[in-house]
Amino acid sequence: KEEEQKDMTQVIGTLSELTKEQEKQREEEQKDMTQV
């Protein structure tokens, strides 16, 4: 159970990081499109 909790915590952290990266890319695309 402790190992599963660690794995779930790592998964949540990885998903959060990926989401942040994608949000950052989307925000940059929005800025570019707004400028265009």
All heavy atoms as atom14 arrays in JSON, in Angstrom:
{
  "sequence": "KEEEQKDMTQVIGTLSELTKEQEKQREEEQKDMTQV",
  "atom14_mask": [
    [1, 1, 1, 1, 1, 1, 1, 1, 1, 0, 0, 0, 0, 0],
    [1, 1, 1, 1, 1, 1, 1, 1, 1, 0, 0, 0, 0, 0],
    [1, 1, 1, 1, 1, 1, 1, 1, 1, 0, 0, 0, 0, 0],
    [1, 1, 1, 1, 1, 1, 1, 1, 1, 0, 0, 0, 0, 0],
    [1, 1, 1, 1, 1, 1, 1, 1, 1, 0, 0, 0, 0, 0],
    [1, 1, 1, 1, 1, 1, 1, 1, 1, 0, 0, 0, 0, 0],
    [1, 1, 1, 1, 1, 1, 1, 1, 0, 0, 0, 0, 0, 0],
    [1, 1, 1, 1, 1, 1, 1, 1, 0, 0, 0, 0, 0, 0],
    [1, 1, 1, 1, 1, 1, 1, 0, 0, 0, 0, 0, 0, 0],
    [1, 1, 1, 1, 1, 1, 1, 1, 1, 0, 0, 0, 0, 0],
    [1, 1, 1, 1, 1, 1, 1, 0, 0, 0, 0, 0, 0, 0],
    [1, 1, 1, 1, 1, 1, 1, 1, 0, 0, 0, 0, 0, 0],
    [1, 1, 1, 1, 0, 0, 0, 0, 0, 0, 0, 0, 0, 0],
    [1, 1, 1, 1, 1, 1, 1, 0, 0, 0, 0, 0, 0, 0],
    [1, 1, 1, 1, 1, 1, 1, 1, 0, 0, 0, 0, 0, 0],
    [1, 1, 1, 1, 1, 1, 0, 0, 0, 0, 0, 0, 0, 0],
    [1, 1, 1, 1, 1, 1, 1, 1, 1, 0, 0, 0, 0, 0],
    [1, 1, 1, 1, 1, 1, 1, 1, 0, 0, 0, 0, 0, 0],
    [1, 1, 1, 1, 1, 1, 1, 0, 0, 0, 0, 0, 0, 0],
    [1, 1, 1, 1, 1, 1, 1, 1, 1, 0, 0, 0, 0, 0],
    [1, 1, 1, 1, 1, 1, 1, 1, 1, 0, 0, 0, 0, 0],
    [1, 1, 1, 1, 1, 1, 1, 1, 1, 0, 0, 0, 0, 0],
    [1, 1, 1, 1, 1, 1, 1, 1, 1, 0, 0, 0, 0, 0],
    [1, 1, 1, 1, 1, 1, 1, 1, 1, 0, 0, 0, 0, 0],
    [1, 1, 1, 1, 1, 1, 1, 1, 1, 0, 0, 0, 0, 0],
    [1, 1, 1, 1, 1, 1, 1, 1, 1, 1, 1, 0, 0, 0],
    [1, 1, 1, 1, 1, 1, 1, 1, 1, 0, 0, 0, 0, 0],
    [1, 1, 1, 1, 1, 1, 1, 1, 1, 0, 0, 0, 0, 0],
    [1, 1, 1, 1, 1, 1, 1, 1, 1, 0, 0, 0, 0, 0],
    [1, 1, 1, 1, 1, 1, 1, 1, 1, 0, 0, 0, 0, 0],
    [1, 1, 1, 1, 1, 1, 1, 1, 1, 0, 0, 0, 0, 0],
    [1, 1, 1, 1, 1, 1, 1, 1, 0, 0, 0, 0, 0, 0],
    [1, 1, 1, 1, 1, 1, 1, 1, 0, 0, 0, 0, 0, 0],
    [1, 1, 1, 1, 1, 1, 1, 0, 0, 0, 0, 0, 0, 0],
    [1, 1, 1, 1, 1, 1, 1, 1, 1, 0, 0, 0, 0, 0],
    [1, 1, 1, 1, 1, 1, 1, 0, 0, 0, 0, 0, 0, 0]
  ],
  "atom14_positions": [
    [[0.82, -1.2, 0.0], [0.0, 0.0, 0.0], [0.86, 1.26, 0.0], [0.56, 2.24, -0.68], [-0.92, -0.01, 1.22], [-2.06, -1.0, 1.1], [-2.98, -0.93, 2.31], [-4.15, -1.92, 2.17], [-5.04, -1.87, 3.34], [0.0, 0.0, 0.0], [0.0, 0.0, 0.0], [0.0, 0.0, 0.0], [0.0, 0.0, 0.0], [0.0, 0.0, 0.0]],
    [[1.93, 1.23, 0.78], [2.82, 2.4, 0.79], [3.46, 2.61, -0.59], [3.57, 3.74, -1.06], [3.9, 2.22, 1.86], [3.36, 2.32, 3.27], [4.46, 2.14, 4.3], [5.61, 1.85, 3.9], [4.18, 2.28, 5.51], [0.0, 0.0, 0.0], [0.0, 0.0, 0.0], [0.0, 0.0, 0.0], [0.0, 0.0, 0.0], [0.0, 0.0, 0.0]],
    [[3.88, 1.5, -1.24], [4.45, 1.63, -2.58], [3.41, 2.16, -3.56], [3.71, 3.0, -4.42], [4.99, 0.27, -3.05], [6.19, -0.22, -2.29], [7.4, 0.66, -2.52], [7.49, 1.26, -3.62], [8.25, 0.75, -1.63], [0.0, 0.0, 0.0], [0.0, 0.0, 0.0], [0.0, 0.0, 0.0], [0.0, 0.0, 0.0], [0.0, 0.0, 0.0]],
    [[2.16, 1.65, -3.45], [1.11, 2.14, -4.35], [0.83, 3.62, -4.12], [0.63, 4.39, -5.07], [-0.17, 1.32, -4.12], [-0.08, -0.11, -4.62], [-1.33, -0.91, -4.27], [-2.21, -0.35, -3.59], [-1.42, -2.09, -4.68], [0.0, 0.0, 0.0], [0.0, 0.0, 0.0], [0.0, 0.0, 0.0], [0.0, 0.0, 0.0], [0.0, 0.0, 0.0]],
    [[0.85, 4.05, -2.86], [0.66, 5.46, -2.58], [1.77, 6.31, -3.2], [1.53, 7.37, -3.77], [0.61, 5.7, -1.07], [-0.68, 5.19, -0.42], [-0.68, 5.45, 1.08], [0.31, 5.91, 1.63], [-1.79, 5.13, 1.72], [0.0, 0.0, 0.0], [0.0, 0.0, 0.0], [0.0, 0.0, 0.0], [0.0, 0.0, 0.0], [0.0, 0.0, 0.0]],
    [[3.01, 5.82, -3.09], [4.13, 6.54, -3.71], [3.95, 6.62, -5.22], [4.17, 7.67, -5.84], [5.45, 5.86, -3.36], [5.84, 5.99, -1.9], [7.17, 5.29, -1.64], [7.57, 5.39, -0.18], [8.86, 4.68, 0.09], [0.0, 0.0, 0.0], [0.0, 0.0, 0.0], [0.0, 0.0, 0.0], [0.0, 0.0, 0.0], [0.0, 0.0, 0.0]],
    [[3.57, 5.47, -5.82], [3.37, 5.46, -7.28], [2.27, 6.42, -7.7], [2.41, 7.16, -8.69], [3.03, 4.03, -7.75], [4.19, 3.07, -7.54], [5.33, 3.55, -7.44], [3.95, 1.85, -7.48], [0.0, 0.0, 0.0], [0.0, 0.0, 0.0], [0.0, 0.0, 0.0], [0.0, 0.0, 0.0], [0.0, 0.0, 0.0], [0.0, 0.0, 0.0]],
    [[1.15, 6.44, -6.95], [0.06, 7.35, -7.3], [0.48, 8.81, -7.15], [0.13, 9.66, -7.96], [-1.15, 7.05, -6.41], [-1.9, 5.78, -6.82], [-3.46, 5.59, -5.95], [-2.88, 5.23, -4.31], [0.0, 0.0, 0.0], [0.0, 0.0, 0.0], [0.0, 0.0, 0.0], [0.0, 0.0, 0.0], [0.0, 0.0, 0.0], [0.0, 0.0, 0.0]],
    [[1.27, 9.06, -6.11], [1.76, 10.44, -5.93], [2.65, 10.85, -7.1], [2.57, 11.97, -7.61], [2.55, 10.55, -4.62], [1.71, 10.14, -3.54], [3.01, 11.98, -4.38], [0.0, 0.0, 0.0], [0.0, 0.0, 0.0], [0.0, 0.0, 0.0], [0.0, 0.0, 0.0], [0.0, 0.0, 0.0], [0.0, 0.0, 0.0], [0.0, 0.0, 0.0]],
    [[3.53, 9.91, -7.55], [4.39, 10.21, -8.69], [3.56, 10.42, -9.96], [3.85, 11.32, -10.76], [5.4, 9.09, -8.89], [6.44, 8.99, -7.78], [7.38, 7.82, -7.99], [7.2, 7.02, -8.92], [8.38, 7.7, -7.13], [0.0, 0.0, 0.0], [0.0, 0.0, 0.0], [0.0, 0.0, 0.0], [0.0, 0.0, 0.0], [0.0, 0.0, 0.0]],
    [[2.52, 9.59, -10.14], [1.66, 9.73, -11.33], [0.98, 11.09, -11.34], [0.93, 11.79, -12.36], [0.62, 8.59, -11.39], [-0.41, 8.86, -12.47], [1.33, 7.27, -11.68], [0.0, 0.0, 0.0], [0.0, 0.0, 0.0], [0.0, 0.0, 0.0], [0.0, 0.0, 0.0], [0.0, 0.0, 0.0], [0.0, 0.0, 0.0], [0.0, 0.0, 0.0]],
    [[0.43, 11.47, -10.17], [-0.24, 12.77, -10.08], [0.74, 13.89, -10.38], [0.43, 14.86, -11.09], [-0.86, 12.94, -8.69], [-2.02, 11.96, -8.51], [-1.34, 14.37, -8.48], [-2.6, 11.95, -7.11], [0.0, 0.0, 0.0], [0.0, 0.0, 0.0], [0.0, 0.0, 0.0], [0.0, 0.0, 0.0], [0.0, 0.0, 0.0], [0.0, 0.0, 0.0]],
    [[1.98, 13.78, -9.83], [2.98, 14.81, -10.09], [3.34, 14.88, -11.57], [3.48, 15.97, -12.14], [0.0, 0.0, 0.0], [0.0, 0.0, 0.0], [0.0, 0.0, 0.0], [0.0, 0.0, 0.0], [0.0, 0.0, 0.0], [0.0, 0.0, 0.0], [0.0, 0.0, 0.0], [0.0, 0.0, 0.0], [0.0, 0.0, 0.0], [0.0, 0.0, 0.0]],
    [[3.49, 13.69, -12.21], [3.82, 13.68, -13.64], [2.71, 14.29, -14.47], [2.95, 15.09, -15.39], [4.08, 12.23, -14.1], [5.1, 11.65, -13.28], [4.54, 12.22, -15.55], [0.0, 0.0, 0.0], [0.0, 0.0, 0.0], [0.0, 0.0, 0.0], [0.0, 0.0, 0.0], [0.0, 0.0, 0.0], [0.0, 0.0, 0.0], [0.0, 0.0, 0.0]],
    [[1.45, 13.91, -14.15], [0.32, 14.5, -14.88], [0.25, 16.01, -14.7], [-0.03, 16.75, -15.65], [-0.98, 13.85, -14.4], [-1.22, 12.39, -14.83], [-2.46, 11.85, -14.16], [-1.34, 12.29, -16.35], [0.0, 0.0, 0.0], [0.0, 0.0, 0.0], [0.0, 0.0, 0.0], [0.0, 0.0, 0.0], [0.0, 0.0, 0.0], [0.0, 0.0, 0.0]],
    [[0.53, 16.45, -13.5], [0.5, 17.9, -13.24], [1.56, 18.62, -14.07], [1.32, 19.68, -14.66], [0.72, 18.17, -11.76], [-0.3, 17.57, -10.98], [0.0, 0.0, 0.0], [0.0, 0.0, 0.0], [0.0, 0.0, 0.0], [0.0, 0.0, 0.0], [0.0, 0.0, 0.0], [0.0, 0.0, 0.0], [0.0, 0.0, 0.0], [0.0, 0.0, 0.0]],
    [[2.78, 18.02, -14.11], [3.84, 18.65, -14.89], [3.49, 18.68, -16.38], [3.7, 19.68, -17.07], [5.15, 17.89, -14.68], [5.71, 18.05, -13.26], [6.98, 17.25, -13.07], [7.39, 16.56, -14.03], [7.56, 17.32, -11.97], [0.0, 0.0, 0.0], [0.0, 0.0, 0.0], [0.0, 0.0, 0.0], [0.0, 0.0, 0.0], [0.0, 0.0, 0.0]],
    [[2.96, 17.53, -16.9], [2.58, 17.51, -18.32], [1.49, 18.53, -18.62], [1.52, 19.22, -19.64], [2.09, 16.1, -18.69], [3.16, 15.0, -18.72], [2.51, 13.64, -18.95], [4.19, 15.28, -19.82], [0.0, 0.0, 0.0], [0.0, 0.0, 0.0], [0.0, 0.0, 0.0], [0.0, 0.0, 0.0], [0.0, 0.0, 0.0], [0.0, 0.0, 0.0]],
    [[0.53, 18.63, -17.72], [-0.56, 19.59, -17.93], [-0.03, 21.02, -17.93], [-0.43, 21.85, -18.73], [-1.61, 19.43, -16.83], [-2.06, 18.07, -16.82], [-2.79, 20.35, -17.06], [0.0, 0.0, 0.0], [0.0, 0.0, 0.0], [0.0, 0.0, 0.0], [0.0, 0.0, 0.0], [0.0, 0.0, 0.0], [0.0, 0.0, 0.0], [0.0, 0.0, 0.0]],
    [[0.91, 21.28, -17.02], [1.5, 22.63, -16.98], [2.22, 22.94, -18.28], [2.12, 24.06, -18.81], [2.45, 22.74, -15.79], [1.75, 22.78, -14.45], [2.75, 22.89, -13.32], [2.05, 22.91, -11.96], [3.02, 22.98, -10.85], [0.0, 0.0, 0.0], [0.0, 0.0, 0.0], [0.0, 0.0, 0.0], [0.0, 0.0, 0.0], [0.0, 0.0, 0.0]],
    [[2.99, 21.95, -18.8], [3.69, 22.17, -20.06], [2.72, 22.42, -21.19], [2.9, 23.33, -22.02], [4.58, 20.95, -20.39], [5.78, 20.79, -19.47], [6.78, 21.9, -19.68], [6.84, 22.44, -20.81], [7.49, 22.24, -18.73], [0.0, 0.0, 0.0], [0.0, 0.0, 0.0], [0.0, 0.0, 0.0], [0.0, 0.0, 0.0], [0.0, 0.0, 0.0]],
    [[1.65, 21.6, -21.25], [0.66, 21.79, -22.32], [-0.06, 23.12, -22.18], [-0.31, 23.81, -23.17], [-0.34, 20.64, -22.3], [0.26, 19.3, -22.72], [-0.75, 18.18, -22.66], [-1.86, 18.35, -22.16], [-0.37, 17.01, -23.16], [0.0, 0.0, 0.0], [0.0, 0.0, 0.0], [0.0, 0.0, 0.0], [0.0, 0.0, 0.0], [0.0, 0.0, 0.0]],
    [[-0.39, 23.49, -20.94], [-1.03, 24.79, -20.75], [-0.11, 25.92, -21.18], [-0.55, 26.9, -21.78], [-1.38, 24.96, -19.27], [-2.57, 24.12, -18.84], [-2.9, 24.35, -17.38], [-2.15, 25.08, -16.73], [-3.92, 23.81, -16.91], [0.0, 0.0, 0.0], [0.0, 0.0, 0.0], [0.0, 0.0, 0.0], [0.0, 0.0, 0.0], [0.0, 0.0, 0.0]],
    [[1.19, 25.77, -20.89], [2.14, 26.79, -21.31], [2.2, 26.92, -22.82], [2.2, 28.02, -23.38], [3.53, 26.45, -20.75], [4.57, 27.52, -20.99], [5.89, 27.14, -20.34], [6.94, 28.22, -20.58], [8.24, 27.85, -19.97], [0.0, 0.0, 0.0], [0.0, 0.0, 0.0], [0.0, 0.0, 0.0], [0.0, 0.0, 0.0], [0.0, 0.0, 0.0]],
    [[2.23, 25.74, -23.52], [2.25, 25.78, -24.99], [0.96, 26.4, -25.53], [1.0, 27.2, -26.47], [2.42, 24.36, -25.53], [3.79, 23.74, -25.22], [3.9, 22.33, -25.72], [2.95, 21.77, -26.28], [5.07, 21.72, -25.53], [0.0, 0.0, 0.0], [0.0, 0.0, 0.0], [0.0, 0.0, 0.0], [0.0, 0.0, 0.0], [0.0, 0.0, 0.0]],
    [[-0.18, 26.02, -24.94], [-1.45, 26.58, -25.4], [-1.49, 28.09, -25.18], [-1.98, 28.84, -26.02], [-2.61, 25.92, -24.64], [-2.74, 24.43, -24.87], [-3.22, 24.13, -26.28], [-3.49, 22.7, -26.47], [-3.9, 22.15, -27.59], [-4.06, 22.91, -28.64], [-4.13, 20.86, -27.67], [0.0, 0.0, 0.0], [0.0, 0.0, 0.0], [0.0, 0.0, 0.0]],
    [[-0.98, 28.52, -24.05], [-0.97, 29.96, -23.79], [-0.09, 30.7, -24.81], [-0.45, 31.79, -25.27], [-0.46, 30.22, -22.38], [-1.46, 29.82, -21.3], [-0.9, 29.99, -19.91], [0.3, 30.36, -19.81], [-1.63, 29.75, -18.93], [0.0, 0.0, 0.0], [0.0, 0.0, 0.0], [0.0, 0.0, 0.0], [0.0, 0.0, 0.0], [0.0, 0.0, 0.0]],
    [[1.06, 30.09, -25.15], [1.92, 30.72, -26.16], [1.21, 30.78, -27.51], [1.29, 31.78, -28.23], [3.23, 29.95, -26.27], [4.12, 30.08, -25.03], [5.39, 29.25, -25.15], [5.5, 28.51, -26.16], [6.26, 29.38, -24.26], [0.0, 0.0, 0.0], [0.0, 0.0, 0.0], [0.0, 0.0, 0.0], [0.0, 0.0, 0.0], [0.0, 0.0, 0.0]],
    [[0.5, 29.68, -27.86], [-0.24, 29.68, -29.13], [-1.33, 30.75, -29.1], [-1.56, 31.44, -30.1], [-0.86, 28.3, -29.36], [0.18, 27.22, -29.69], [-0.49, 25.86, -29.89], [-1.72, 25.8, -29.76], [0.23, 24.88, -30.17], [0.0, 0.0, 0.0], [0.0, 0.0, 0.0], [0.0, 0.0, 0.0], [0.0, 0.0, 0.0], [0.0, 0.0, 0.0]],
    [[-2.0, 30.88, -27.96], [-3.03, 31.91, -27.86], [-2.44, 33.31, -28.04], [-3.01, 34.16, -28.71], [-3.72, 31.82, -26.49], [-4.72, 30.68, -26.39], [-5.44, 30.7, -25.07], [-4.94, 31.2, -24.08], [-6.64, 30.15, -25.06], [0.0, 0.0, 0.0], [0.0, 0.0, 0.0], [0.0, 0.0, 0.0], [0.0, 0.0, 0.0], [0.0, 0.0, 0.0]],
    [[-1.28, 33.53, -27.42], [-0.63, 34.84, -27.59], [-0.3, 35.1, -29.05], [-0.53, 36.2, -29.58], [0.64, 34.9, -26.73], [0.36, 34.96, -25.24], [1.66, 35.03, -24.45], [1.4, 35.07, -22.97], [2.67, 35.11, -22.19], [0.0, 0.0, 0.0], [0.0, 0.0, 0.0], [0.0, 0.0, 0.0], [0.0, 0.0, 0.0], [0.0, 0.0, 0.0]],
    [[0.29, 34.05, -29.71], [0.65, 34.23, -31.13], [-0.6, 34.51, -31.97], [-0.59, 35.4, -32.83], [1.35, 32.96, -31.64], [2.68, 32.75, -30.97], [3.24, 33.74, -30.44], [3.18, 31.61, -30.96], [0.0, 0.0, 0.0], [0.0, 0.0, 0.0], [0.0, 0.0, 0.0], [0.0, 0.0, 0.0], [0.0, 0.0, 0.0], [0.0, 0.0, 0.0]],
    [[-1.67, 33.76, -31.73], [-2.89, 33.97, -32.52], [-3.51, 35.33, -32.23], [-4.03, 35.99, -33.12], [-3.89, 32.84, -32.21], [-3.51, 31.51, -32.86], [-4.8, 30.27, -32.69], [-4.67, 29.9, -30.96], [0.0, 0.0, 0.0], [0.0, 0.0, 0.0], [0.0, 0.0, 0.0], [0.0, 0.0, 0.0], [0.0, 0.0, 0.0], [0.0, 0.0, 0.0]],
    [[-3.43, 35.76, -30.96], [-3.94, 37.09, -30.63], [-3.18, 38.17, -31.38], [-3.75, 39.13, -31.91], [-3.84, 37.32, -29.12], [-4.56, 36.29, -28.43], [-4.44, 38.67, -28.74], [0.0, 0.0, 0.0], [0.0, 0.0, 0.0], [0.0, 0.0, 0.0], [0.0, 0.0, 0.0], [0.0, 0.0, 0.0], [0.0, 0.0, 0.0], [0.0, 0.0, 0.0]],
    [[-1.84, 38.0, -31.45], [-1.03, 38.97, -32.19], [-1.38, 38.96, -33.68], [-1.49, 40.02, -34.31], [0.46, 38.67, -31.99], [0.95, 38.91, -30.57], [2.39, 38.54, -30.39], [3.02, 38.0, -31.32], [2.94, 38.81, -29.22], [0.0, 0.0, 0.0], [0.0, 0.0, 0.0], [0.0, 0.0, 0.0], [0.0, 0.0, 0.0], [0.0, 0.0, 0.0]],
    [[-1.58, 37.74, -34.24], [-1.92, 37.65, -35.67], [-3.27, 38.3, -35.94], [-3.45, 39.04, -36.91], [-1.92, 36.16, -36.12], [-2.47, 36.04, -37.54], [-0.51, 35.6, -36.06], [0.0, 0.0, 0.0], [0.0, 0.0, 0.0], [0.0, 0.0, 0.0], [0.0, 0.0, 0.0], [0.0, 0.0, 0.0], [0.0, 0.0, 0.0], [0.0, 0.0, 0.0]]
  ]
}
